[in-house]
Amino acid sequence: MTTLEALCGPVPGLEDWVRRHPRLRIAGSLPFPELRVGSRSVVSGGPGEGLYGLPELVDNNPIVCAARVVVPEPAATLAWIALGPAAKAGLLQRDESDSAVLLRFGGLPAERLADALAVIGWTRGTEIEWRKASVENVATLEAFLPLAGDCEPSEVAEAYEEAFGRSFFVRRVSPCEALPHRLAGTPRAEYWIELSPSSEPMLRVVVAADRRGKLGGAQLVQSLNVMFGWEETTGLEEAIP
């Protein structure tokens, strides 16, 4: 098996995941949050820096053909998981009322999110709160999303199943199964959803992931695997519970 030389930037967990990878070896470092192999690279950043998006919500073909892929930064990754399926399916509130998306982050530094949210279709009101972590290295997001009045509960479930039902790295759990500490050291995110029926329906989505895993180096490795046509879990599989 051919081993390729990789350059690693300062992304939490990245060097550890690359050392586990059977087809990569670390050949040097970079000053940017990037994983580079030859002329191809994966970067943690924002829109406008290359082919941008969460791997689960971007078609594989553009990733395979790209020289540069940009995965969302940590808070944006959690936001894409929470909002992406509902926004993509057109389930979020469509009128210009005062309703806003509320995002409560735990365990992450403040991050600009407007551009990342615009890419997934939310350009209106957003309230954001930043809180301390409850579990070391594991970040969380509690999102409250105003839904369109004609939205059916089955549509919500189908949208998230369509987005993540076959994913190795984003898994739905029930509220009683949600144990953020279980995600420490893994490349996976977990989420659960709850629909509050009323005249103004609201969707609550809670997401958790390790800052060294799905929010860090593991997501760069996952995307690089897709770029090179390798199994998506290569170098990550032993850490998937």
Protein backbone atom coordinates (compact mmCIF):
# COMPACT_ATOMS: atom_id res chain seq x y z
CA MET A 1 0.00 0.00 0.00
CA THR A 2 1.40 3.40 -1.03
CA THR A 3 1.88 5.87 1.82
CA LEU A 4 1.43 9.56 1.05
CA GLU A 5 3.13 12.45 2.80
CA ALA A 6 0.81 14.78 4.72
CA LEU A 7 1.34 18.25 6.10
CA CYS A 8 -0.71 19.09 9.19
CA GLY A 9 -1.83 22.46 10.50
CA PRO A 10 -2.91 23.39 14.05
CA VAL A 11 -6.27 21.61 14.14
CA PRO A 12 -7.16 19.82 17.40
CA GLY A 13 -6.59 16.08 17.07
CA LEU A 14 -5.39 16.24 13.45
CA GLU A 15 -1.89 14.79 13.94
CA ASP A 16 -3.27 11.96 16.08
CA TRP A 17 -5.77 10.94 13.38
CA VAL A 18 -3.16 11.16 10.62
CA ARG A 19 -0.81 8.89 12.62
CA ARG A 20 -3.58 6.28 12.74
CA HIS A 21 -4.18 6.49 9.00
CA PRO A 22 -2.71 3.53 7.05
CA ARG A 23 -2.15 5.59 3.88
CA LEU A 24 -0.68 8.78 5.36
CA ARG A 25 2.44 9.79 7.23
CA ILE A 26 3.25 13.18 8.70
CA ALA A 27 5.95 14.92 6.68
CA GLY A 28 5.78 18.39 8.21
CA SER A 29 3.62 21.13 9.66
CA LEU A 30 1.63 24.09 8.36
CA PRO A 31 0.74 27.40 10.04
CA PHE A 32 -2.89 27.18 8.91
CA PRO A 33 -5.78 24.87 9.98
CA GLU A 34 -5.21 22.57 7.01
CA LEU A 35 -4.43 18.99 6.01
CA ARG A 36 -2.44 18.90 2.76
CA VAL A 37 -1.40 15.94 0.63
CA GLY A 38 0.44 16.90 -2.53
CA SER A 39 -1.53 19.60 -4.33
CA ARG A 40 -4.81 18.75 -2.57
CA SER A 41 -5.96 19.98 0.81
CA VAL A 42 -8.78 20.12 3.34
CA VAL A 43 -9.14 23.29 5.41
CA SER A 44 -11.22 24.28 8.42
CA GLY A 45 -12.68 27.64 7.45
CA GLY A 46 -15.59 29.56 6.02
CA PRO A 47 -17.44 30.09 2.74
CA GLY A 48 -15.53 31.62 -0.13
CA GLU A 49 -12.26 29.77 0.59
CA GLY A 50 -13.00 26.76 -1.66
CA LEU A 51 -15.62 24.03 -2.03
CA TYR A 52 -17.40 24.52 1.30
CA GLY A 53 -19.70 22.35 3.35
CA LEU A 54 -20.32 19.55 5.80
CA PRO A 55 -19.24 16.28 4.12
CA GLU A 56 -22.61 14.66 4.90
CA LEU A 57 -24.50 17.46 3.15
CA VAL A 58 -22.27 17.88 0.08
CA ASP A 59 -22.39 15.48 -2.86
CA ASN A 60 -19.30 13.26 -3.06
CA ASN A 61 -18.58 14.00 -6.73
CA PRO A 62 -17.58 17.66 -6.22
CA ILE A 63 -15.39 16.64 -3.27
CA VAL A 64 -13.64 13.95 -5.32
CA CYS A 65 -12.92 16.47 -8.07
CA ALA A 66 -11.85 19.35 -5.83
CA ALA A 67 -8.28 20.43 -5.17
CA ARG A 68 -9.36 22.26 -2.01
CA VAL A 69 -12.26 21.42 0.32
CA VAL A 70 -13.28 23.66 3.21
CA VAL A 71 -15.15 22.08 6.11
CA PRO A 72 -17.06 24.31 8.53
CA GLU A 73 -15.35 25.50 11.68
CA PRO A 74 -16.46 23.89 14.97
CA ALA A 75 -19.52 26.01 15.81
CA ALA A 76 -20.58 26.08 12.17
CA THR A 77 -20.31 22.28 12.00
CA LEU A 78 -22.73 21.94 14.91
CA ALA A 79 -25.03 24.51 13.30
CA TRP A 80 -24.97 22.68 9.94
CA ILE A 81 -25.95 19.43 11.67
CA ALA A 82 -28.77 21.13 13.60
CA LEU A 83 -30.20 23.38 10.85
CA GLY A 84 -29.00 21.83 7.60
CA PRO A 85 -31.62 19.12 7.01
CA ALA A 86 -34.57 21.33 7.99
CA ALA A 87 -33.32 24.26 5.92
CA LYS A 88 -32.53 22.10 2.89
CA ALA A 89 -36.04 20.58 3.00
CA GLY A 90 -37.67 24.02 3.23
CA LEU A 91 -39.16 23.33 6.67
CA LEU A 92 -38.02 26.50 8.45
CA GLN A 93 -40.38 29.43 8.87
CA ARG A 94 -40.77 31.24 5.58
CA ASP A 95 -42.47 34.52 6.55
CA GLU A 96 -40.80 37.65 7.85
CA SER A 97 -42.11 37.41 11.43
CA ASP A 98 -40.05 38.18 14.51
CA SER A 99 -39.25 34.51 15.12
CA ALA A 100 -35.52 33.82 15.24
CA VAL A 101 -33.29 30.80 15.41
CA LEU A 102 -31.79 30.46 18.90
CA LEU A 103 -28.39 28.75 19.14
CA ARG A 104 -26.91 27.93 22.55
CA PHE A 105 -23.32 26.70 22.25
CA GLY A 106 -21.33 25.09 25.04
CA GLY A 107 -17.58 24.56 25.14
CA LEU A 108 -16.54 26.63 22.10
CA PRO A 109 -15.05 30.09 21.60
CA ALA A 110 -17.27 32.63 19.86
CA GLU A 111 -17.26 32.29 16.09
CA ARG A 112 -18.83 34.28 13.24
CA LEU A 113 -21.70 32.23 11.87
CA ALA A 114 -23.73 34.47 9.54
CA ASP A 115 -22.01 33.35 6.32
CA ALA A 116 -22.12 29.66 7.27
CA LEU A 117 -25.83 29.87 8.09
CA ALA A 118 -26.53 31.71 4.82
CA VAL A 119 -25.04 28.82 2.85
CA ILE A 120 -27.59 26.43 4.35
CA GLY A 121 -30.45 28.84 3.71
CA TRP A 122 -30.95 30.84 6.91
CA THR A 123 -30.34 34.56 6.45
CA ARG A 124 -32.78 36.02 8.96
CA GLY A 125 -32.81 36.48 12.74
CA THR A 126 -30.37 34.46 14.85
CA GLU A 127 -29.76 34.73 18.58
CA ILE A 128 -26.51 33.14 19.78
CA GLU A 129 -25.34 32.32 23.29
CA TRP A 130 -21.90 31.00 24.29
CA ARG A 131 -21.55 28.91 27.45
CA LYS A 132 -18.88 26.86 29.22
CA ALA A 133 -18.41 23.17 28.46
CA SER A 134 -20.07 20.58 30.67
CA VAL A 135 -17.73 17.80 29.42
CA GLU A 136 -14.03 18.47 28.69
CA ASN A 137 -13.26 18.58 24.94
CA VAL A 138 -16.91 17.92 24.00
CA ALA A 139 -18.88 20.86 22.58
CA THR A 140 -22.65 21.08 22.40
CA LEU A 141 -25.35 23.04 20.62
CA GLU A 142 -28.97 23.41 21.66
CA ALA A 143 -30.88 24.90 18.73
CA PHE A 144 -34.47 26.14 18.64
CA LEU A 145 -35.76 26.39 15.07
CA PRO A 146 -39.07 28.04 14.08
CA LEU A 147 -40.86 25.77 11.62
CA ALA A 148 -43.28 26.59 8.83
CA GLY A 149 -46.87 26.37 10.04
CA ASP A 150 -47.76 23.64 7.55
CA CYS A 151 -44.78 21.45 8.51
CA GLU A 152 -45.66 17.86 9.46
CA PRO A 153 -43.70 15.88 12.10
CA SER A 154 -43.05 13.14 9.56
CA GLU A 155 -41.39 15.66 7.24
CA VAL A 156 -38.97 16.66 9.98
CA ALA A 157 -37.99 13.06 10.72
CA GLU A 158 -37.60 12.28 7.02
CA ALA A 159 -35.36 15.32 6.42
CA TYR A 160 -32.88 14.31 9.13
CA GLU A 161 -32.99 10.64 8.13
CA GLU A 162 -32.28 11.59 4.51
CA ALA A 163 -29.30 13.71 5.56
CA PHE A 164 -27.72 11.49 8.20
CA GLY A 165 -29.38 8.08 8.14
CA ARG A 166 -26.45 6.46 6.33
CA SER A 167 -23.70 8.52 7.93
CA PHE A 168 -20.86 6.91 9.88
CA PHE A 169 -20.16 10.15 11.72
CA VAL A 170 -23.50 11.83 12.52
CA ARG A 171 -25.95 9.64 14.42
CA ARG A 172 -29.40 10.31 15.83
CA VAL A 173 -30.05 9.18 19.40
CA SER A 174 -32.98 9.54 21.77
CA PRO A 175 -32.80 12.18 24.55
CA CYS A 176 -32.26 9.46 27.18
CA GLU A 177 -29.32 8.05 25.16
CA ALA A 178 -27.61 11.43 24.79
CA LEU A 179 -24.42 11.20 26.86
CA PRO A 180 -21.90 13.81 25.66
CA HIS A 181 -19.00 12.22 27.57
CA ARG A 182 -19.42 9.10 25.39
CA LEU A 183 -18.26 11.15 22.38
CA ALA A 184 -14.90 12.09 23.93
CA GLY A 185 -12.09 10.83 21.71
CA THR A 186 -14.38 9.73 18.88
CA PRO A 187 -14.84 11.15 15.33
CA ARG A 188 -18.62 11.13 15.68
CA ALA A 189 -21.39 13.63 16.45
CA GLU A 190 -24.73 12.70 17.98
CA TYR A 191 -27.99 14.62 17.86
CA TRP A 192 -31.58 14.32 18.97
CA ILE A 193 -34.67 16.19 17.87
CA GLU A 194 -37.89 17.18 19.59
CA LEU A 195 -40.90 18.83 17.97
CA SER A 196 -43.12 21.09 20.07
CA PRO A 197 -46.57 21.17 18.43
CA SER A 198 -48.38 24.48 18.73
CA SER A 199 -49.78 27.26 16.59
CA GLU A 200 -46.11 28.27 16.10
CA PRO A 201 -44.27 24.92 15.91
CA MET A 202 -40.69 24.87 17.13
CA LEU A 203 -38.02 22.24 16.54
CA ARG A 204 -35.42 21.65 19.25
CA VAL A 205 -32.20 20.00 18.08
CA VAL A 206 -29.37 19.12 20.48
CA VAL A 207 -25.97 18.17 19.01
CA ALA A 208 -22.70 17.13 20.66
CA ALA A 209 -19.24 16.26 19.29
CA ASP A 210 -15.58 16.22 20.32
CA ARG A 211 -13.51 19.29 19.42
CA ARG A 212 -10.70 16.90 18.37
CA GLY A 213 -13.07 14.65 16.41
CA LYS A 214 -15.99 15.69 14.23
CA LEU A 215 -15.30 19.32 15.13
CA GLY A 216 -11.57 19.00 14.50
CA GLY A 217 -9.02 16.75 12.88
CA ALA A 218 -11.30 13.78 12.24
CA GLN A 219 -13.54 15.80 9.93
CA LEU A 220 -10.54 16.87 7.84
CA VAL A 221 -9.40 13.26 7.53
CA GLN A 222 -12.93 12.14 6.64
CA SER A 223 -13.08 14.69 3.83
CA LEU A 224 -9.59 13.79 2.58
CA ASN A 225 -10.68 10.15 2.39
CA VAL A 226 -13.57 11.13 0.13
CA MET A 227 -11.27 13.31 -2.02
CA PHE A 228 -8.90 10.39 -2.66
CA GLY A 229 -11.63 7.80 -3.18
CA TRP A 230 -10.76 5.84 -0.04
CA GLU A 231 -13.30 4.38 2.36
CA GLU A 232 -14.74 7.31 4.32
CA THR A 233 -13.82 5.68 7.63
CA THR A 234 -10.17 4.93 6.77
CA GLY A 235 -8.00 5.73 9.79
CA LEU A 236 -11.08 6.53 11.84
CA GLU A 237 -12.92 3.23 12.09
CA GLU A 238 -11.30 1.93 15.29
CA ALA A 239 -12.50 5.02 17.16
CA ILE A 240 -16.15 4.71 16.03
CA PRO A 241 -18.06 3.13 18.95
